[in-house]
């Protein structure tokens, strides 16, 4: 590990991942005046030392800073009197700077094109997303809005940050269906479609969630994705607590948690 940290370029790579974790090789390469192969070699040495870990997300390979080995050195040489203060400050810093990320994955027997249509077509969306419709022109930088026509309410809106049909859709989101979720501010939702044989793997990542983000903000995703799978594979509607939100029936329990937009 000390050998890996001895090189200034590798230390700079760690600084970049500290500044923005989860970067691709291309984004890291753009920040250094060296070849792609050179950056790959440095990252490999950092991986071998356990200072960088990688994770596949769709077609991308993301690189994350692993602070554990450095913490072990800290624990060995920082005095027992200073350690509680360092640990407390480190924990505060992590909570303030590391937002939550929720990842949901499901396999659906369909084509990428059909799945993309089900995500972006307002009439199809209403079949599985609690009766709500999502409207937009689906171009990068455009606005999108989610609401329930019968109830005349807007429950969420935001901006389309990336639009790459039928593979990837990244959206900012402001939830509006309760004061609790409004307080969370702007979050981000990423839809990633990866073909697998005669099916698709759909991964929905809801991130940029503050440490105090309420469960009502993201707790409905399993119901949404289950309803999407059921409708695409069978044409049937799936009854969930969320799907009853705007009907005459009300499920028992907390309607915000069970029937929220996401």
C-alpha atoms as a PDB file:
ATOM      1  CA  UNK A   1       0.000   0.000   0.000  1.00  0.00           C
ATOM      2  CA  UNK A   2       2.850   2.397   0.812  1.00  0.00           C
ATOM      3  CA  UNK A   3       4.375   1.585  -2.579  1.00  0.00           C
ATOM      4  CA  UNK A   4       1.098   2.465  -4.266  1.00  0.00           C
ATOM      5  CA  UNK A   5       0.842   5.746  -2.333  1.00  0.00           C
ATOM      6  CA  UNK A   6       4.459   6.701  -3.090  1.00  0.00           C
ATOM      7  CA  UNK A   7       3.637   7.793  -6.643  1.00  0.00           C
ATOM      8  CA  UNK A   8       2.199  11.352  -6.948  1.00  0.00           C
ATOM      9  CA  UNK A   9      -0.019  10.394  -9.888  1.00  0.00           C
ATOM     10  CA  UNK A  10      -1.646   7.616  -7.899  1.00  0.00           C
ATOM     11  CA  UNK A  11      -2.180   9.983  -4.980  1.00  0.00           C
ATOM     12  CA  UNK A  12      -3.824  12.408  -7.417  1.00  0.00           C
ATOM     13  CA  UNK A  13      -6.099   9.628  -8.666  1.00  0.00           C
ATOM     14  CA  UNK A  14      -7.188   8.965  -5.090  1.00  0.00           C
ATOM     15  CA  UNK A  15      -7.766  12.690  -4.623  1.00  0.00           C
ATOM     16  CA  UNK A  16     -10.006  12.682  -7.694  1.00  0.00           C
ATOM     17  CA  UNK A  17     -12.026   9.753  -6.332  1.00  0.00           C
ATOM     18  CA  UNK A  18     -12.235  11.473  -2.964  1.00  0.00           C
ATOM     19  CA  UNK A  19     -13.599  14.569  -4.726  1.00  0.00           C
ATOM     20  CA  UNK A  20     -16.075  12.562  -6.827  1.00  0.00           C
ATOM     21  CA  UNK A  21     -16.413   8.856  -6.085  1.00  0.00           C
ATOM     22  CA  UNK A  22     -17.592   6.301  -8.633  1.00  0.00           C
ATOM     23  CA  UNK A  23     -15.845   7.688 -11.746  1.00  0.00           C
ATOM     24  CA  UNK A  24     -15.277   5.831 -15.009  1.00  0.00           C
ATOM     25  CA  UNK A  25     -11.866   5.315 -16.594  1.00  0.00           C
ATOM     26  CA  UNK A  26     -12.743   7.892 -19.276  1.00  0.00           C
ATOM     27  CA  UNK A  27     -13.602  10.600 -16.749  1.00  0.00           C
ATOM     28  CA  UNK A  28     -10.399   9.961 -14.792  1.00  0.00           C
ATOM     29  CA  UNK A  29      -8.299   9.863 -17.955  1.00  0.00           C
ATOM     30  CA  UNK A  30      -9.600  13.287 -18.975  1.00  0.00           C
ATOM     31  CA  UNK A  31      -8.102  14.815 -15.843  1.00  0.00           C
ATOM     32  CA  UNK A  32      -4.534  13.613 -16.432  1.00  0.00           C
ATOM     33  CA  UNK A  33      -1.961  14.389 -19.098  1.00  0.00           C
ATOM     34  CA  UNK A  34      -1.151  10.765 -19.895  1.00  0.00           C
ATOM     35  CA  UNK A  35      -2.385   7.914 -22.036  1.00  0.00           C
ATOM     36  CA  UNK A  36      -5.424   5.825 -21.193  1.00  0.00           C
ATOM     37  CA  UNK A  37      -3.096   2.839 -20.737  1.00  0.00           C
ATOM     38  CA  UNK A  38      -1.021   4.781 -18.214  1.00  0.00           C
ATOM     39  CA  UNK A  39      -4.070   5.653 -16.134  1.00  0.00           C
ATOM     40  CA  UNK A  40      -5.186   1.999 -16.295  1.00  0.00           C
ATOM     41  CA  UNK A  41      -1.786   0.838 -14.957  1.00  0.00           C
ATOM     42  CA  UNK A  42      -1.945   3.250 -12.027  1.00  0.00           C
ATOM     43  CA  UNK A  43      -5.516   2.216 -11.216  1.00  0.00           C
ATOM     44  CA  UNK A  44      -4.481  -1.447 -11.331  1.00  0.00           C
ATOM     45  CA  UNK A  45      -1.774  -0.823  -8.728  1.00  0.00           C
ATOM     46  CA  UNK A  46      -4.252   1.010  -6.534  1.00  0.00           C
ATOM     47  CA  UNK A  47      -6.689  -1.904  -6.898  1.00  0.00           C
ATOM     48  CA  UNK A  48      -3.969  -4.414  -5.998  1.00  0.00           C
ATOM     49  CA  UNK A  49      -3.239  -2.367  -2.870  1.00  0.00           C
ATOM     50  CA  UNK A  50      -6.926  -2.367  -1.936  1.00  0.00           C
ATOM     51  CA  UNK A  51      -7.162   1.423  -2.166  1.00  0.00           C
ATOM     52  CA  UNK A  52      -9.566   1.365  -5.132  1.00  0.00           C
ATOM     53  CA  UNK A  53     -12.493  -0.984  -5.700  1.00  0.00           C
ATOM     54  CA  UNK A  54     -14.501  -1.278  -8.910  1.00  0.00           C
ATOM     55  CA  UNK A  55     -18.153  -1.966  -9.623  1.00  0.00           C
ATOM     56  CA  UNK A  56     -19.918  -2.709 -12.888  1.00  0.00           C
ATOM     57  CA  UNK A  57     -23.010  -0.648 -13.630  1.00  0.00           C
ATOM     58  CA  UNK A  58     -24.464  -1.474 -17.009  1.00  0.00           C
ATOM     59  CA  UNK A  59     -21.733  -1.011 -19.595  1.00  0.00           C
ATOM     60  CA  UNK A  60     -19.600   1.142 -17.312  1.00  0.00           C
ATOM     61  CA  UNK A  61     -16.902   0.206 -14.813  1.00  0.00           C
ATOM     62  CA  UNK A  62     -16.909   2.608 -11.884  1.00  0.00           C
ATOM     63  CA  UNK A  63     -13.960   3.232  -9.542  1.00  0.00           C
ATOM     64  CA  UNK A  64     -14.450   3.929  -5.841  1.00  0.00           C
ATOM     65  CA  UNK A  65     -12.010   5.046  -3.172  1.00  0.00           C
ATOM     66  CA  UNK A  66     -11.604   2.426  -0.439  1.00  0.00           C
ATOM     67  CA  UNK A  67     -10.526   4.208   2.759  1.00  0.00           C
ATOM     68  CA  UNK A  68     -10.279   1.076   4.898  1.00  0.00           C
ATOM     69  CA  UNK A  69      -6.508   0.378   4.414  1.00  0.00           C
ATOM     70  CA  UNK A  70      -5.707   4.010   5.184  1.00  0.00           C
ATOM     71  CA  UNK A  71      -7.909   3.834   8.274  1.00  0.00           C
ATOM     72  CA  UNK A  72      -5.990   0.763   9.441  1.00  0.00           C
ATOM     73  CA  UNK A  73      -2.767   2.780   9.270  1.00  0.00           C
ATOM     74  CA  UNK A  74      -4.497   5.565  11.155  1.00  0.00           C
ATOM     75  CA  UNK A  75      -5.582   3.143  13.855  1.00  0.00           C
ATOM     76  CA  UNK A  76      -2.034   1.842  14.206  1.00  0.00           C
ATOM     77  CA  UNK A  77      -0.231   5.155  14.596  1.00  0.00           C
ATOM     78  CA  UNK A  78      -2.710   7.800  15.790  1.00  0.00           C
ATOM     79  CA  UNK A  79      -2.570   8.105  19.569  1.00  0.00           C
ATOM     80  CA  UNK A  80      -5.345   6.667  21.683  1.00  0.00           C
ATOM     81  CA  UNK A  81      -6.098  10.174  22.965  1.00  0.00           C
ATOM     82  CA  UNK A  82      -6.533  11.690  19.497  1.00  0.00           C
ATOM     83  CA  UNK A  83      -8.380   8.710  17.993  1.00  0.00           C
ATOM     84  CA  UNK A  84     -11.859   9.436  19.455  1.00  0.00           C
ATOM     85  CA  UNK A  85     -11.736  12.987  18.128  1.00  0.00           C
ATOM     86  CA  UNK A  86     -10.518  11.885  14.699  1.00  0.00           C
ATOM     87  CA  UNK A  87     -13.152   9.151  14.503  1.00  0.00           C
ATOM     88  CA  UNK A  88     -15.952  11.513  15.536  1.00  0.00           C
ATOM     89  CA  UNK A  89     -14.955  14.181  13.024  1.00  0.00           C
ATOM     90  CA  UNK A  90     -14.549  11.568  10.296  1.00  0.00           C
ATOM     91  CA  UNK A  91     -18.037  10.218  10.996  1.00  0.00           C
ATOM     92  CA  UNK A  92     -19.560  13.714  10.876  1.00  0.00           C
ATOM     93  CA  UNK A  93     -17.774  14.457   7.598  1.00  0.00           C
ATOM     94  CA  UNK A  94     -18.969  11.181   6.060  1.00  0.00           C
ATOM     95  CA  UNK A  95     -22.579  11.785   7.049  1.00  0.00           C
ATOM     96  CA  UNK A  96     -22.551  15.317   5.686  1.00  0.00           C
ATOM     97  CA  UNK A  97     -20.774  14.533   2.415  1.00  0.00           C
ATOM     98  CA  UNK A  98     -21.978  11.025   1.483  1.00  0.00           C
ATOM     99  CA  UNK A  99     -25.619  11.005   0.313  1.00  0.00           C
ATOM    100  CA  UNK A 100     -27.614   7.788   0.280  1.00  0.00           C
ATOM    101  CA  UNK A 101     -28.049   5.659  -2.812  1.00  0.00           C
ATOM    102  CA  UNK A 102     -30.850   3.121  -3.363  1.00  0.00           C
ATOM    103  CA  UNK A 103     -30.455   0.562  -6.162  1.00  0.00           C
ATOM    104  CA  UNK A 104     -33.291  -1.640  -7.476  1.00  0.00           C
ATOM    105  CA  UNK A 105     -32.812  -4.349 -10.114  1.00  0.00           C
ATOM    106  CA  UNK A 106     -35.341  -6.528 -11.934  1.00  0.00           C
ATOM    107  CA  UNK A 107     -35.320  -8.850 -14.963  1.00  0.00           C
ATOM    108  CA  UNK A 108     -38.191  -8.510 -17.434  1.00  0.00           C
ATOM    109  CA  UNK A 109     -38.935 -10.651 -20.480  1.00  0.00           C
ATOM    110  CA  UNK A 110     -39.172  -7.899 -23.096  1.00  0.00           C
ATOM    111  CA  UNK A 111     -37.050  -5.913 -25.547  1.00  0.00           C
ATOM    112  CA  UNK A 112     -35.103  -2.741 -24.683  1.00  0.00           C
ATOM    113  CA  UNK A 113     -37.302  -0.764 -27.096  1.00  0.00           C
ATOM    114  CA  UNK A 114     -40.538  -1.989 -25.508  1.00  0.00           C
ATOM    115  CA  UNK A 115     -39.187  -1.352 -22.008  1.00  0.00           C
ATOM    116  CA  UNK A 116     -38.122   2.183 -22.960  1.00  0.00           C
ATOM    117  CA  UNK A 117     -41.599   2.815 -24.350  1.00  0.00           C
ATOM    118  CA  UNK A 118     -43.188   1.579 -21.115  1.00  0.00           C
ATOM    119  CA  UNK A 119     -41.036   4.019 -19.122  1.00  0.00           C
ATOM    120  CA  UNK A 120     -41.695   7.072 -21.291  1.00  0.00           C
ATOM    121  CA  UNK A 121     -45.239   6.604 -22.660  1.00  0.00           C
ATOM    122  CA  UNK A 122     -47.759   8.311 -20.329  1.00  0.00           C
ATOM    123  CA  UNK A 123     -50.617   5.869 -20.975  1.00  0.00           C
ATOM    124  CA  UNK A 124     -48.462   2.789 -20.415  1.00  0.00           C
ATOM    125  CA  UNK A 125     -46.819   4.370 -17.367  1.00  0.00           C
ATOM    126  CA  UNK A 126     -50.226   4.784 -15.744  1.00  0.00           C
ATOM    127  CA  UNK A 127     -50.763   1.007 -15.976  1.00  0.00           C
ATOM    128  CA  UNK A 128     -48.127   0.255 -13.348  1.00  0.00           C
ATOM    129  CA  UNK A 129     -47.130   3.554 -11.710  1.00  0.00           C
ATOM    130  CA  UNK A 130     -50.101   3.976  -9.388  1.00  0.00           C
ATOM    131  CA  UNK A 131     -52.287   5.442 -12.151  1.00  0.00           C
ATOM    132  CA  UNK A 132     -49.981   8.436 -12.668  1.00  0.00           C
ATOM    133  CA  UNK A 133     -48.754   9.682 -16.043  1.00  0.00           C
ATOM    134  CA  UNK A 134     -45.316  11.085 -16.905  1.00  0.00           C
ATOM    135  CA  UNK A 135     -45.164  13.685 -19.674  1.00  0.00           C
ATOM    136  CA  UNK A 136     -42.096  15.097 -21.442  1.00  0.00           C
ATOM    137  CA  UNK A 137     -40.593  15.490 -24.908  1.00  0.00           C
ATOM    138  CA  UNK A 138     -37.719  13.264 -23.683  1.00  0.00           C
ATOM    139  CA  UNK A 139     -34.822  15.370 -24.902  1.00  0.00           C
ATOM    140  CA  UNK A 140     -31.714  16.203 -22.829  1.00  0.00           C
ATOM    141  CA  UNK A 141     -32.349  19.265 -20.695  1.00  0.00           C
ATOM    142  CA  UNK A 142     -36.129  19.124 -21.093  1.00  0.00           C
ATOM    143  CA  UNK A 143     -38.619  19.084 -18.247  1.00  0.00           C
ATOM    144  CA  UNK A 144     -40.734  16.119 -17.164  1.00  0.00           C
ATOM    145  CA  UNK A 145     -43.803  16.063 -14.955  1.00  0.00           C
ATOM    146  CA  UNK A 146     -45.626  13.260 -13.177  1.00  0.00           C
ATOM    147  CA  UNK A 147     -49.223  13.635 -12.108  1.00  0.00           C
ATOM    148  CA  UNK A 148     -52.580  11.983 -11.767  1.00  0.00           C
ATOM    149  CA  UNK A 149     -55.105  13.333 -14.320  1.00  0.00           C
ATOM    150  CA  UNK A 150     -58.212  12.294 -12.385  1.00  0.00           C
ATOM    151  CA  UNK A 151     -56.998  13.813  -9.127  1.00  0.00           C
ATOM    152  CA  UNK A 152     -55.542  16.876 -10.855  1.00  0.00           C
ATOM    153  CA  UNK A 153     -52.309  16.794  -8.851  1.00  0.00           C
ATOM    154  CA  UNK A 154     -48.620  16.959  -9.734  1.00  0.00           C
ATOM    155  CA  UNK A 155     -46.664  14.587  -7.554  1.00  0.00           C
ATOM    156  CA  UNK A 156     -43.155  14.989  -9.003  1.00  0.00           C
ATOM    157  CA  UNK A 157     -41.209  16.857 -11.665  1.00  0.00           C
ATOM    158  CA  UNK A 158     -37.663  17.536 -12.763  1.00  0.00           C
ATOM    159  CA  UNK A 159     -35.196  17.677 -15.651  1.00  0.00           C
ATOM    160  CA  UNK A 160     -34.049  15.002 -18.097  1.00  0.00           C
ATOM    161  CA  UNK A 161     -30.280  15.077 -17.555  1.00  0.00           C
ATOM    162  CA  UNK A 162     -29.359  12.232 -19.953  1.00  0.00           C
ATOM    163  CA  UNK A 163     -31.581  10.645 -22.616  1.00  0.00           C
ATOM    164  CA  UNK A 164     -30.082   7.679 -24.474  1.00  0.00           C
ATOM    165  CA  UNK A 165     -32.900   5.455 -25.793  1.00  0.00           C
ATOM    166  CA  UNK A 166     -33.308   2.577 -25.286  1.00  0.00           C
ATOM    167  CA  UNK A 167     -30.437   2.255 -22.792  1.00  0.00           C
ATOM    168  CA  UNK A 168     -30.248   5.010 -20.213  1.00  0.00           C
ATOM    169  CA  UNK A 169     -32.380   7.795 -18.762  1.00  0.00           C
ATOM    170  CA  UNK A 170     -31.111  10.081 -15.987  1.00  0.00           C
ATOM    171  CA  UNK A 171     -33.511  12.530 -14.344  1.00  0.00           C
ATOM    172  CA  UNK A 172     -33.435  15.024 -11.516  1.00  0.00           C
ATOM    173  CA  UNK A 173     -36.543  14.730  -9.362  1.00  0.00           C
ATOM    174  CA  UNK A 174     -38.402  16.909  -6.892  1.00  0.00           C
ATOM    175  CA  UNK A 175     -41.124  14.928  -5.093  1.00  0.00           C
ATOM    176  CA  UNK A 176     -44.251  16.885  -4.183  1.00  0.00           C
ATOM    177  CA  UNK A 177     -46.835  14.435  -2.854  1.00  0.00           C
ATOM    178  CA  UNK A 178     -46.279  15.362   0.815  1.00  0.00           C
ATOM    179  CA  UNK A 179     -44.477  17.968   2.916  1.00  0.00           C
ATOM    180  CA  UNK A 180     -42.193  15.205   4.164  1.00  0.00           C
ATOM    181  CA  UNK A 181     -40.805  14.346   0.730  1.00  0.00           C
ATOM    182  CA  UNK A 182     -40.731  17.980  -0.416  1.00  0.00           C
ATOM    183  CA  UNK A 183     -38.225  18.682   2.344  1.00  0.00           C
ATOM    184  CA  UNK A 184     -35.768  16.267   0.694  1.00  0.00           C
ATOM    185  CA  UNK A 185     -35.221  18.696  -2.189  1.00  0.00           C
ATOM    186  CA  UNK A 186     -33.825  17.548  -5.534  1.00  0.00           C
ATOM    187  CA  UNK A 187     -32.718  13.928  -5.962  1.00  0.00           C
ATOM    188  CA  UNK A 188     -31.718  11.879  -9.018  1.00  0.00           C
ATOM    189  CA  UNK A 189     -33.216   8.800 -10.678  1.00  0.00           C
ATOM    190  CA  UNK A 190     -31.298   6.725 -13.244  1.00  0.00           C
ATOM    191  CA  UNK A 191     -32.960   4.060 -15.421  1.00  0.00           C
ATOM    192  CA  UNK A 192     -30.506   1.628 -17.055  1.00  0.00           C
ATOM    193  CA  UNK A 193     -31.610  -1.057 -19.511  1.00  0.00           C
ATOM    194  CA  UNK A 194     -29.281  -3.940 -20.383  1.00  0.00           C
ATOM    195  CA  UNK A 195     -30.417  -6.692 -22.782  1.00  0.00           C
ATOM    196  CA  UNK A 196     -29.867 -10.239 -21.465  1.00  0.00           C
ATOM    197  CA  UNK A 197     -30.866 -12.913 -23.984  1.00  0.00           C
ATOM    198  CA  UNK A 198     -34.601 -12.604 -24.578  1.00  0.00           C
ATOM    199  CA  UNK A 199     -34.984 -10.381 -21.505  1.00  0.00           C
ATOM    200  CA  UNK A 200     -33.757  -7.097 -20.077  1.00  0.00           C
ATOM    201  CA  UNK A 201     -32.109  -6.216 -16.795  1.00  0.00           C
ATOM    202  CA  UNK A 202     -33.587  -2.948 -15.566  1.00  0.00           C
ATOM    203  CA  UNK A 203     -31.639  -1.136 -12.853  1.00  0.00           C
ATOM    204  CA  UNK A 204     -33.169   1.913 -11.184  1.00  0.00           C
ATOM    205  CA  UNK A 205     -30.817   3.945  -9.000  1.00  0.00           C
ATOM    206  CA  UNK A 206     -32.308   6.624  -6.773  1.00  0.00           C
ATOM    207  CA  UNK A 207     -29.423   8.654  -5.383  1.00  0.00           C
ATOM    208  CA  UNK A 208     -28.377  12.079  -4.131  1.00  0.00           C
ATOM    209  CA  UNK A 209     -30.620  11.292  -1.182  1.00  0.00           C
ATOM    210  CA  UNK A 210     -29.767  13.190   1.960  1.00  0.00           C
ATOM    211  CA  UNK A 211     -28.999  11.310   5.148  1.00  0.00           C
ATOM    212  CA  UNK A 212     -32.434  12.249   6.501  1.00  0.00           C
ATOM    213  CA  UNK A 213     -34.383  11.463   3.312  1.00  0.00           C
ATOM    214  CA  UNK A 214     -37.727   9.870   4.292  1.00  0.00           C
ATOM    215  CA  UNK A 215     -38.479   6.297   3.251  1.00  0.00           C
ATOM    216  CA  UNK A 216     -41.619   7.590   1.514  1.00  0.00           C
ATOM    217  CA  UNK A 217     -39.328   9.110  -1.114  1.00  0.00           C
ATOM    218  CA  UNK A 218     -37.984   5.786  -2.386  1.00  0.00           C
ATOM    219  CA  UNK A 219     -40.063   3.108  -0.655  1.00  0.00           C
ATOM    220  CA  UNK A 220     -42.494   2.611  -3.550  1.00  0.00           C
ATOM    221  CA  UNK A 221     -39.932   1.517  -6.154  1.00  0.00           C
ATOM    222  CA  UNK A 222     -40.362  -2.255  -5.596  1.00  0.00           C
ATOM    223  CA  UNK A 223     -44.099  -1.913  -6.244  1.00  0.00           C
ATOM    224  CA  UNK A 224     -43.537   0.200  -9.373  1.00  0.00           C
ATOM    225  CA  UNK A 225     -41.028  -2.249 -10.860  1.00  0.00           C
ATOM    226  CA  UNK A 226     -43.145  -5.278  -9.969  1.00  0.00           C
ATOM    227  CA  UNK A 227     -46.123  -3.685 -11.683  1.00  0.00           C
ATOM    228  CA  UNK A 228     -43.988  -2.866 -14.723  1.00  0.00           C
ATOM    229  CA  UNK A 229     -42.784  -6.466 -15.017  1.00  0.00           C
ATOM    230  CA  UNK A 230     -46.309  -7.869 -14.600  1.00  0.00           C
ATOM    231  CA  UNK A 231     -47.796  -5.595 -17.250  1.00  0.00           C
ATOM    232  CA  UNK A 232     -45.046  -6.121 -19.834  1.00  0.00           C
ATOM    233  CA  UNK A 233     -45.005  -9.901 -19.443  1.00  0.00           C
ATOM    234  CA  UNK A 234     -48.721 -10.597 -19.077  1.00  0.00           C
ATOM    235  CA  UNK A 235     -50.682  -7.452 -19.890  1.00  0.00           C
ATOM    236  CA  UNK A 236     -52.262  -7.680 -16.440  1.00  0.00           C
ATOM    237  CA  UNK A 237     -52.417  -4.944 -13.800  1.00  0.00           C
ATOM    238  CA  UNK A 238     -50.799  -5.672 -10.446  1.00  0.00           C
ATOM    239  CA  UNK A 239     -52.720  -4.551  -7.372  1.00  0.00           C
ATOM    240  CA  UNK A 240     -50.375  -2.994  -4.801  1.00  0.00           C
ATOM    241  CA  UNK A 241     -50.975  -0.577  -1.918  1.00  0.00           C
ATOM    242  CA  UNK A 242     -49.621   2.160  -4.176  1.00  0.00           C
ATOM    243  CA  UNK A 243     -52.060   1.323  -6.991  1.00  0.00           C
ATOM    244  CA  UNK A 244     -54.943   1.948  -4.572  1.00  0.00           C
ATOM    245  CA  UNK A 245     -53.715   5.441  -3.740  1.00  0.00           C
ATOM    246  CA  UNK A 246     -56.157   7.275  -6.016  1.00  0.00           C
ATOM    247  CA  UNK A 247     -58.911   4.658  -6.079  1.00  0.00           C
ATOM    248  CA  UNK A 248     -61.832   4.443  -3.681  1.00  0.00           C
ATOM    249  CA  UNK A 249     -59.959   1.941  -1.500  1.00  0.00           C
ATOM    250  CA  UNK A 250     -57.183   2.888   0.878  1.00  0.00           C
ATOM    251  CA  UNK A 251     -54.634   0.350   2.125  1.00  0.00           C
ATOM    252  CA  UNK A 252     -53.933  -0.031   5.785  1.00  0.00           C
ATOM    253  CA  UNK A 253     -50.759   1.518   7.091  1.00  0.00           C
ATOM    254  CA  UNK A 254     -48.928   4.636   5.970  1.00  0.00           C
ATOM    255  CA  UNK A 255     -50.283   5.764   2.562  1.00  0.00           C
ATOM    256  CA  UNK A 256     -47.295   8.021   1.932  1.00  0.00           C
ATOM    257  CA  UNK A 257     -44.782   5.242   2.323  1.00  0.00           C
ATOM    258  CA  UNK A 258     -46.818   2.757   0.331  1.00  0.00           C
ATOM    259  CA  UNK A 259     -48.294   4.996  -2.329  1.00  0.00           C
ATOM    260  CA  UNK A 260     -45.646   7.608  -2.988  1.00  0.00           C
ATOM    261  CA  UNK A 261     -44.465   8.419  -6.497  1.00  0.00           C
ATOM    262  CA  UNK A 262     -41.322   6.351  -6.241  1.00  0.00           C
END
